Amino acid sequence: MDDTSKKYSLDKTAFQGMTVQEADHHYGYWKNKSMKERIDAAFYLINQFYGTTSQTPVDKTVFTKRKHKNG
């Protein structure tokens, strides 16, 4: 387990529907966090959603690169 998983935890039973006004309150919370804290939290949530870790290899066969004729 990496350090990020110790800092955050995802309680999947805690989600609920809310109004736009209620959701606006979350904006103030994250606005007061540093950019690094926001990116760390987003990275953690993405890893939780896809079931990956920071050590999961990237499948580089999915992407290709080529030169443009006019460049």
PDB file of N, CA and C in Angstrom:
ATOM      1  N   MET A   1       0.828  -1.187   0.000  1.00  0.00           N
ATOM      2  CA  MET A   1       0.000   0.000   0.000  1.00  0.00           C
ATOM      3  C   MET A   1       0.866   1.241   0.000  1.00  0.00           C
ATOM      4  N   ASP A   2       0.489   2.242  -0.813  1.00  0.00           N
ATOM      5  CA  ASP A   2       1.277   3.462  -0.836  1.00  0.00           C
ATOM      6  C   ASP A   2       0.724   4.463   0.186  1.00  0.00           C
ATOM      7  N   ASP A   3       1.429   5.584   0.347  1.00  0.00           N
ATOM      8  CA  ASP A   3       1.048   6.584   1.347  1.00  0.00           C
ATOM      9  C   ASP A   3      -0.303   7.221   1.053  1.00  0.00           C
ATOM     10  N   THR A   4      -0.670   7.335  -0.220  1.00  0.00           N
ATOM     11  CA  THR A   4      -1.924   7.983  -0.580  1.00  0.00           C
ATOM     12  C   THR A   4      -3.118   7.221  -0.030  1.00  0.00           C
ATOM     13  N   SER A   5      -3.091   5.902  -0.090  1.00  0.00           N
ATOM     14  CA  SER A   5      -4.227   5.120   0.385  1.00  0.00           C
ATOM     15  C   SER A   5      -4.391   5.231   1.898  1.00  0.00           C
ATOM     16  N   LYS A   6      -3.326   5.602   2.597  1.00  0.00           N
ATOM     17  CA  LYS A   6      -3.441   5.801   4.041  1.00  0.00           C
ATOM     18  C   LYS A   6      -4.076   7.150   4.367  1.00  0.00           C
ATOM     19  N   LYS A   7      -3.910   8.143   3.468  1.00  0.00           N
ATOM     20  CA  LYS A   7      -4.438   9.483   3.706  1.00  0.00           C
ATOM     21  C   LYS A   7      -5.935   9.571   3.419  1.00  0.00           C
ATOM     22  N   TYR A   8      -6.421   8.805   2.452  1.00  0.00           N
ATOM     23  CA  TYR A   8      -7.806   8.900   2.017  1.00  0.00           C
ATOM     24  C   TYR A   8      -8.489   7.549   2.151  1.00  0.00           C
ATOM     25  N   SER A   9      -9.774   7.592   2.293  1.00  0.00           N
ATOM     26  CA  SER A   9     -10.540   6.354   2.226  1.00  0.00           C
ATOM     27  C   SER A   9     -11.843   6.648   1.498  1.00  0.00           C
ATOM     28  N   LEU A  10     -12.335   5.693   0.764  1.00  0.00           N
ATOM     29  CA  LEU A  10     -13.534   5.865  -0.026  1.00  0.00           C
ATOM     30  C   LEU A  10     -14.652   5.027   0.581  1.00  0.00           C
ATOM     31  N   ASP A  11     -15.603   5.716   1.188  1.00  0.00           N
ATOM     32  CA  ASP A  11     -16.771   5.050   1.761  1.00  0.00           C
ATOM     33  C   ASP A  11     -17.872   5.078   0.713  1.00  0.00           C
ATOM     34  N   LYS A  12     -18.072   3.969   0.021  1.00  0.00           N
ATOM     35  CA  LYS A  12     -19.021   3.920  -1.086  1.00  0.00           C
ATOM     36  C   LYS A  12     -20.474   4.002  -0.624  1.00  0.00           C
ATOM     37  N   THR A  13     -20.727   3.888   0.675  1.00  0.00           N
ATOM     38  CA  THR A  13     -22.097   4.005   1.179  1.00  0.00           C
ATOM     39  C   THR A  13     -22.438   5.449   1.531  1.00  0.00           C
ATOM     40  N   ALA A  14     -21.480   6.347   1.440  1.00  0.00           N
ATOM     41  CA  ALA A  14     -21.681   7.727   1.887  1.00  0.00           C
ATOM     42  C   ALA A  14     -22.255   8.640   0.812  1.00  0.00           C
ATOM     43  N   PHE A  15     -22.386   8.164  -0.405  1.00  0.00           N
ATOM     44  CA  PHE A  15     -22.872   9.023  -1.479  1.00  0.00           C
ATOM     45  C   PHE A  15     -24.378   9.199  -1.390  1.00  0.00           C
ATOM     46  N   GLN A  16     -24.806  10.399  -1.752  1.00  0.00           N
ATOM     47  CA  GLN A  16     -26.231  10.685  -1.736  1.00  0.00           C
ATOM     48  C   GLN A  16     -26.546  11.742  -2.777  1.00  0.00           C
ATOM     49  N   GLY A  17     -27.781  11.768  -3.214  1.00  0.00           N
ATOM     50  CA  GLY A  17     -28.203  12.822  -4.129  1.00  0.00           C
ATOM     51  C   GLY A  17     -28.299  14.137  -3.377  1.00  0.00           C
ATOM     52  N   MET A  18     -27.976  15.226  -4.069  1.00  0.00           N
ATOM     53  CA  MET A  18     -28.040  16.530  -3.425  1.00  0.00           C
ATOM     54  C   MET A  18     -28.418  17.598  -4.430  1.00  0.00           C
ATOM     55  N   THR A  19     -28.847  18.711  -3.912  1.00  0.00           N
ATOM     56  CA  THR A  19     -29.209  19.828  -4.770  1.00  0.00           C
ATOM     57  C   THR A  19     -27.944  20.547  -5.228  1.00  0.00           C
ATOM     58  N   VAL A  20     -28.094  21.425  -6.192  1.00  0.00           N
ATOM     59  CA  VAL A  20     -26.960  22.204  -6.679  1.00  0.00           C
ATOM     60  C   VAL A  20     -26.408  23.086  -5.564  1.00  0.00           C
ATOM     61  N   GLN A  21     -27.292  23.636  -4.751  1.00  0.00           N
ATOM     62  CA  GLN A  21     -26.857  24.496  -3.650  1.00  0.00           C
ATOM     63  C   GLN A  21     -26.023  23.706  -2.635  1.00  0.00           C
ATOM     64  N   GLU A  22     -26.447  22.486  -2.334  1.00  0.00           N
ATOM     65  CA  GLU A  22     -25.678  21.651  -1.410  1.00  0.00           C
ATOM     66  C   GLU A  22     -24.316  21.291  -2.001  1.00  0.00           C
ATOM     67  N   ALA A  23     -24.285  21.010  -3.283  1.00  0.00           N
ATOM     68  CA  ALA A  23     -23.024  20.663  -3.939  1.00  0.00           C
ATOM     69  C   ALA A  23     -22.077  21.859  -3.966  1.00  0.00           C
ATOM     70  N   ASP A  24     -22.601  23.070  -4.020  1.00  0.00           N
ATOM     71  CA  ASP A  24     -21.764  24.270  -4.026  1.00  0.00           C
ATOM     72  C   ASP A  24     -20.933  24.394  -2.757  1.00  0.00           C
ATOM     73  N   HIS A  25     -21.404  23.843  -1.662  1.00  0.00           N
ATOM     74  CA  HIS A  25     -20.647  23.911  -0.411  1.00  0.00           C
ATOM     75  C   HIS A  25     -19.327  23.141  -0.520  1.00  0.00           C
ATOM     76  N   HIS A  26     -19.297  22.094  -1.336  1.00  0.00           N
ATOM     77  CA  HIS A  26     -18.075  21.313  -1.519  1.00  0.00           C
ATOM     78  C   HIS A  26     -17.023  22.108  -2.282  1.00  0.00           C
ATOM     79  N   TYR A  27     -17.475  23.011  -3.138  1.00  0.00           N
ATOM     80  CA  TYR A  27     -16.536  23.830  -3.921  1.00  0.00           C
ATOM     81  C   TYR A  27     -15.638  24.645  -2.995  1.00  0.00           C
ATOM     82  N   GLY A  28     -16.202  25.245  -1.974  1.00  0.00           N
ATOM     83  CA  GLY A  28     -15.414  26.035  -1.028  1.00  0.00           C
ATOM     84  C   GLY A  28     -14.381  25.201  -0.297  1.00  0.00           C
ATOM     85  N   TYR A  29     -14.726  23.970   0.025  1.00  0.00           N
ATOM     86  CA  TYR A  29     -13.789  23.080   0.713  1.00  0.00           C
ATOM     87  C   TYR A  29     -12.568  22.823  -0.150  1.00  0.00           C
ATOM     88  N   TRP A  30     -12.801  22.451  -1.408  1.00  0.00           N
ATOM     89  CA  TRP A  30     -11.684  22.119  -2.293  1.00  0.00           C
ATOM     90  C   TRP A  30     -10.941  23.357  -2.778  1.00  0.00           C
ATOM     91  N   LYS A  31     -11.605  24.488  -2.833  1.00  0.00           N
ATOM     92  CA  LYS A  31     -10.934  25.724  -3.241  1.00  0.00           C
ATOM     93  C   LYS A  31      -9.864  26.114  -2.224  1.00  0.00           C
ATOM     94  N   ASN A  32     -10.052  25.779  -0.973  1.00  0.00           N
ATOM     95  CA  ASN A  32      -9.091  26.107   0.075  1.00  0.00           C
ATOM     96  C   ASN A  32      -7.933  25.117   0.152  1.00  0.00           C
ATOM     97  N   LYS A  33      -7.980  24.042  -0.620  1.00  0.00           N
ATOM     98  CA  LYS A  33      -6.900  23.060  -0.648  1.00  0.00           C
ATOM     99  C   LYS A  33      -5.867  23.473  -1.696  1.00  0.00           C
ATOM    100  N   SER A  34      -4.625  23.056  -1.491  1.00  0.00           N
ATOM    101  CA  SER A  34      -3.583  23.356  -2.467  1.00  0.00           C
ATOM    102  C   SER A  34      -3.812  22.519  -3.722  1.00  0.00           C
ATOM    103  N   MET A  35      -3.181  22.933  -4.820  1.00  0.00           N
ATOM    104  CA  MET A  35      -3.318  22.189  -6.068  1.00  0.00           C
ATOM    105  C   MET A  35      -2.796  20.759  -5.895  1.00  0.00           C
ATOM    106  N   LYS A  36      -1.719  20.579  -5.157  1.00  0.00           N
ATOM    107  CA  LYS A  36      -1.172  19.234  -4.924  1.00  0.00           C
ATOM    108  C   LYS A  36      -2.175  18.364  -4.173  1.00  0.00           C
ATOM    109  N   GLU A  37      -2.834  18.929  -3.155  1.00  0.00           N
ATOM    110  CA  GLU A  37      -3.826  18.149  -2.400  1.00  0.00           C
ATOM    111  C   GLU A  37      -4.993  17.754  -3.286  1.00  0.00           C
ATOM    112  N   ARG A  38      -5.433  18.647  -4.175  1.00  0.00           N
ATOM    113  CA  ARG A  38      -6.544  18.336  -5.077  1.00  0.00           C
ATOM    114  C   ARG A  38      -6.153  17.254  -6.076  1.00  0.00           C
ATOM    115  N   ILE A  39      -4.938  17.359  -6.615  1.00  0.00           N
ATOM    116  CA  ILE A  39      -4.485  16.360  -7.584  1.00  0.00           C
ATOM    117  C   ILE A  39      -4.286  15.007  -6.911  1.00  0.00           C
ATOM    118  N   ASP A  40      -3.734  15.010  -5.700  1.00  0.00           N
ATOM    119  CA  ASP A  40      -3.565  13.753  -4.958  1.00  0.00           C
ATOM    120  C   ASP A  40      -4.912  13.075  -4.710  1.00  0.00           C
ATOM    121  N   ALA A  41      -5.914  13.853  -4.319  1.00  0.00           N
ATOM    122  CA  ALA A  41      -7.242  13.293  -4.059  1.00  0.00           C
ATOM    123  C   ALA A  41      -7.863  12.756  -5.345  1.00  0.00           C
ATOM    124  N   ALA A  42      -7.720  13.492  -6.447  1.00  0.00           N
ATOM    125  CA  ALA A  42      -8.265  13.037  -7.734  1.00  0.00           C
ATOM    126  C   ALA A  42      -7.570  11.762  -8.188  1.00  0.00           C
ATOM    127  N   PHE A  43      -6.243  11.707  -8.045  1.00  0.00           N
ATOM    128  CA  PHE A  43      -5.472  10.519  -8.415  1.00  0.00           C
ATOM    129  C   PHE A  43      -5.931   9.312  -7.606  1.00  0.00           C
ATOM    130  N   TYR A  44      -6.143   9.517  -6.321  1.00  0.00           N
ATOM    131  CA  TYR A  44      -6.590   8.421  -5.461  1.00  0.00           C
ATOM    132  C   TYR A  44      -7.977   7.922  -5.896  1.00  0.00           C
ATOM    133  N   LEU A  45      -8.905   8.847  -6.161  1.00  0.00           N
ATOM    134  CA  LEU A  45     -10.258   8.440  -6.544  1.00  0.00           C
ATOM    135  C   LEU A  45     -10.267   7.724  -7.896  1.00  0.00           C
ATOM    136  N   ILE A  46      -9.461   8.198  -8.840  1.00  0.00           N
ATOM    137  CA  ILE A  46      -9.370   7.534 -10.141  1.00  0.00           C
ATOM    138  C   ILE A  46      -8.824   6.125  -9.966  1.00  0.00           C
ATOM    139  N   ASN A  47      -7.801   5.966  -9.137  1.00  0.00           N
ATOM    140  CA  ASN A  47      -7.246   4.630  -8.886  1.00  0.00           C
ATOM    141  C   ASN A  47      -8.274   3.728  -8.228  1.00  0.00           C
ATOM    142  N   GLN A  48      -9.066   4.249  -7.302  1.00  0.00           N
ATOM    143  CA  GLN A  48     -10.106   3.450  -6.656  1.00  0.00           C
ATOM    144  C   GLN A  48     -11.145   3.008  -7.669  1.00  0.00           C
ATOM    145  N   PHE A  49     -11.536   3.915  -8.555  1.00  0.00           N
ATOM    146  CA  PHE A  49     -12.570   3.610  -9.536  1.00  0.00           C
ATOM    147  C   PHE A  49     -12.105   2.523 -10.506  1.00  0.00           C
ATOM    148  N   TYR A  50     -10.873   2.645 -11.010  1.00  0.00           N
ATOM    149  CA  TYR A  50     -10.373   1.690 -12.000  1.00  0.00           C
ATOM    150  C   TYR A  50      -9.653   0.498 -11.388  1.00  0.00           C
ATOM    151  N   GLY A  51      -9.472   0.478 -10.080  1.00  0.00           N
ATOM    152  CA  GLY A  51      -8.819  -0.640  -9.428  1.00  0.00           C
ATOM    153  C   GLY A  51      -7.334  -0.723  -9.744  1.00  0.00           C
ATOM    154  N   THR A  52      -6.697   0.421  -9.879  1.00  0.00           N
ATOM    155  CA  THR A  52      -5.270   0.464 -10.198  1.00  0.00           C
ATOM    156  C   THR A  52      -4.477   1.009  -9.019  1.00  0.00           C
ATOM    157  N   THR A  53      -3.162   0.950  -9.141  1.00  0.00           N
ATOM    158  CA  THR A  53      -2.261   1.559  -8.171  1.00  0.00           C
ATOM    159  C   THR A  53      -1.250   2.399  -8.933  1.00  0.00           C
ATOM    160  N   SER A  54      -0.395   3.089  -8.211  1.00  0.00           N
ATOM    161  CA  SER A  54       0.636   3.877  -8.885  1.00  0.00           C
ATOM    162  C   SER A  54       1.664   2.981  -9.568  1.00  0.00           C
ATOM    163  N   GLN A  55       1.698   1.705  -9.232  1.00  0.00           N
ATOM    164  CA  GLN A  55       2.628   0.773  -9.856  1.00  0.00           C
ATOM    165  C   GLN A  55       2.016   0.006 -11.036  1.00  0.00           C
ATOM    166  N   THR A  56       0.739   0.214 -11.334  1.00  0.00           N
ATOM    167  CA  THR A  56       0.090  -0.480 -12.436  1.00  0.00           C
ATOM    168  C   THR A  56       0.717  -0.034 -13.752  1.00  0.00           C
ATOM    169  N   PRO A  57       1.184  -0.983 -14.577  1.00  0.00           N
ATOM    170  CA  PRO A  57       1.811  -0.584 -15.843  1.00  0.00           C
ATOM    171  C   PRO A  57       0.778  -0.039 -16.824  1.00  0.00           C
ATOM    172  N   VAL A  58       1.199   0.910 -17.637  1.00  0.00           N
ATOM    173  CA  VAL A  58       0.339   1.503 -18.656  1.00  0.00           C
ATOM    174  C   VAL A  58       0.469   0.678 -19.928  1.00  0.00           C
ATOM    175  N   ASP A  59      -0.667   0.346 -20.539  1.00  0.00           N
ATOM    176  CA  ASP A  59      -0.651  -0.408 -21.791  1.00  0.00           C
ATOM    177  C   ASP A  59      -0.321   0.550 -22.929  1.00  0.00           C
ATOM    178  N   LYS A  60       0.931   0.566 -23.340  1.00  0.00           N
ATOM    179  CA  LYS A  60       1.389   1.518 -24.351  1.00  0.00           C
ATOM    180  C   LYS A  60       1.052   1.078 -25.766  1.00  0.00           C
ATOM    181  N   THR A  61       0.436  -0.089 -25.930  1.00  0.00           N
ATOM    182  CA  THR A  61       0.053  -0.536 -27.270  1.00  0.00           C
ATOM    183  C   THR A  61      -1.248   0.108 -27.721  1.00  0.00           C
ATOM    184  N   VAL A  62      -1.943   0.780 -26.817  1.00  0.00           N
ATOM    185  CA  VAL A  62      -3.218   1.403 -27.152  1.00  0.00           C
ATOM    186  C   VAL A  62      -3.006   2.656 -27.990  1.00  0.00           C
ATOM    187  N   PHE A  63      -1.912   3.347 -27.780  1.00  0.00           N
ATOM    188  CA  PHE A  63      -1.652   4.614 -28.449  1.00  0.00           C
ATOM    189  C   PHE A  63      -0.601   4.447 -29.531  1.00  0.00           C
ATOM    190  N   THR A  64      -0.695   5.281 -30.555  1.00  0.00           N
ATOM    191  CA  THR A  64       0.302   5.302 -31.618  1.00  0.00           C
ATOM    192  C   THR A  64       0.761   6.734 -31.819  1.00  0.00           C
ATOM    193  N   LYS A  65       1.907   6.900 -32.471  1.00  0.00           N
ATOM    194  CA  LYS A  65       2.381   8.239 -32.792  1.00  0.00           C
ATOM    195  C   LYS A  65       2.827   8.243 -34.246  1.00  0.00           C
ATOM    196  N   ARG A  66       2.704   9.394 -34.851  1.00  0.00           N
ATOM    197  CA  ARG A  66       3.125   9.527 -36.240  1.00  0.00           C
ATOM    198  C   ARG A  66       3.467  10.991 -36.499  1.00  0.00           C
ATOM    199  N   LYS A  67       4.212  11.226 -37.567  1.00  0.00           N
ATOM    200  CA  LYS A  67       4.559  12.579 -37.954  1.00  0.00           C
ATOM    201  C   LYS A  67       3.512  13.098 -38.915  1.00  0.00           C
ATOM    202  N   HIS A  68       3.196  14.372 -38.803  1.00  0.00           N
ATOM    203  CA  HIS A  68       2.309  15.007 -39.776  1.00  0.00           C
ATOM    204  C   HIS A  68       3.105  15.324 -41.036  1.00  0.00           C
ATOM    205  N   LYS A  69       2.467  15.262 -42.174  1.00  0.00           N
ATOM    206  CA  LYS A  69       3.150  15.527 -43.454  1.00  0.00           C
ATOM    207  C   LYS A  69       3.634  16.981 -43.523  1.00  0.00           C
ATOM    208  N   ASN A  70       2.890  17.914 -42.932  1.00  0.00           N
ATOM    209  CA  ASN A  70       3.232  19.333 -43.021  1.00  0.00           C
ATOM    210  C   ASN A  70       3.918  19.822 -41.773  1.00  0.00           C
ATOM    211  N   GLY A  71       4.611  19.011 -41.061  1.00  0.00           N
ATOM    212  CA  GLY A  71       5.196  19.475 -39.828  1.00  0.00           C
ATOM    213  C   GLY A  71       6.536  18.992 -39.635  1.00  0.00           C
TER     214      GLY A  71
END
